[in-house]
Amino acid sequence: MPDLFLSLLYRLGQLAYWYCVDFMVNLADLTGTSYPEANTWVLLLCIPGLLSLLLLVRLWQRHHLRYLRRRVAAKMTTE
């Protein structure tokens, strides 16, 4: 049983890897760049930029939610 699970997990890893490679090759063809250049753009610029943007959105949401909670609490105490 564990051998079957490990072989399925290995196969899933292979499929994910080849899907990503195929995606990057197609992206390089569409943009007219080379495979290493497309990898550089996606892995070193786009993904960290997207993660930074998501972090900033999360921090803004946290700040705004605290503001709204304080506002509601203040409104409840005055009534």
Protein backbone atom coordinates (compact mmCIF):
# COMPACT_ATOMS: atom_id res chain seq x y z
CA MET A 1 0.00 0.00 0.00
CA PRO A 2 2.70 2.62 0.83
CA ASP A 3 4.48 1.80 -2.44
CA LEU A 4 1.32 2.58 -4.39
CA PHE A 5 0.89 5.89 -2.58
CA LEU A 6 4.52 6.88 -3.15
CA SER A 7 4.39 5.96 -6.83
CA LEU A 8 1.20 8.00 -7.27
CA LEU A 9 2.77 10.92 -5.44
CA TYR A 10 5.90 10.66 -7.61
CA ARG A 11 3.77 10.58 -10.76
CA LEU A 12 1.80 13.62 -9.60
CA GLY A 13 5.08 15.48 -9.01
CA GLN A 14 6.26 14.59 -12.51
CA LEU A 15 3.02 15.78 -14.07
CA ALA A 16 3.14 19.06 -12.15
CA TYR A 17 6.76 19.63 -13.19
CA TRP A 18 6.14 18.97 -16.87
CA TYR A 19 2.99 21.08 -16.85
CA CYS A 20 4.99 24.00 -15.42
CA VAL A 21 7.80 23.52 -17.95
CA ASP A 22 5.29 23.37 -20.80
CA PHE A 23 3.60 26.52 -19.50
CA MET A 24 6.91 28.37 -19.34
CA VAL A 25 7.92 27.24 -22.84
CA ASN A 26 4.58 28.42 -24.22
CA LEU A 27 4.89 31.71 -22.33
CA ALA A 28 8.35 32.23 -23.77
CA ASP A 29 7.03 31.56 -27.28
CA LEU A 30 4.11 33.96 -26.82
CA THR A 31 6.29 36.76 -25.52
CA GLY A 32 9.13 36.18 -27.98
CA THR A 33 11.68 35.55 -25.27
CA SER A 34 13.83 32.60 -24.32
CA TYR A 35 12.89 30.01 -21.72
CA PRO A 36 15.46 31.26 -19.13
CA GLU A 37 14.32 34.84 -19.63
CA ALA A 38 10.66 33.90 -19.14
CA ASN A 39 11.66 31.98 -16.00
CA THR A 40 13.48 35.04 -14.70
CA TRP A 41 10.49 37.28 -15.27
CA VAL A 42 8.02 34.92 -13.66
CA LEU A 43 10.05 33.46 -10.79
CA LEU A 44 12.13 36.48 -9.80
CA LEU A 45 9.84 39.41 -10.61
CA CYS A 46 6.17 38.49 -11.01
CA ILE A 47 5.72 36.06 -8.14
CA PRO A 48 7.54 38.17 -5.50
CA GLY A 49 5.71 41.25 -6.77
CA LEU A 50 2.36 39.50 -6.51
CA LEU A 51 3.15 38.21 -3.02
CA SER A 52 4.19 41.71 -1.92
CA LEU A 53 0.97 43.15 -3.31
CA LEU A 54 -1.08 40.51 -1.49
CA LEU A 55 0.75 41.27 1.75
CA LEU A 56 0.04 44.99 1.37
CA VAL A 57 -3.64 44.29 0.69
CA ARG A 58 -3.80 42.07 3.78
CA LEU A 59 -2.20 44.74 5.96
CA TRP A 60 -4.58 47.38 4.61
CA GLN A 61 -7.56 45.09 5.30
CA ARG A 62 -6.36 44.49 8.85
CA HIS A 63 -6.01 48.21 9.45
CA HIS A 64 -9.42 48.97 7.93
CA LEU A 65 -11.14 46.19 9.90
CA ARG A 66 -9.69 47.51 13.17
CA TYR A 67 -10.91 50.99 12.24
CA LEU A 68 -14.42 49.69 11.54
CA ARG A 69 -14.52 47.68 14.78
CA ARG A 70 -13.49 50.74 16.80
CA ARG A 71 -16.10 52.82 15.03
CA VAL A 72 -18.86 50.29 15.75
CA ALA A 73 -17.73 49.94 19.38
CA ALA A 74 -17.77 53.71 19.83
CA LYS A 75 -21.21 53.93 18.29
CA MET A 76 -22.54 51.18 20.59
CA THR A 77 -21.25 52.92 23.72
CA THR A 78 -22.84 56.27 22.84
CA GLU A 79 -26.29 54.77 22.32
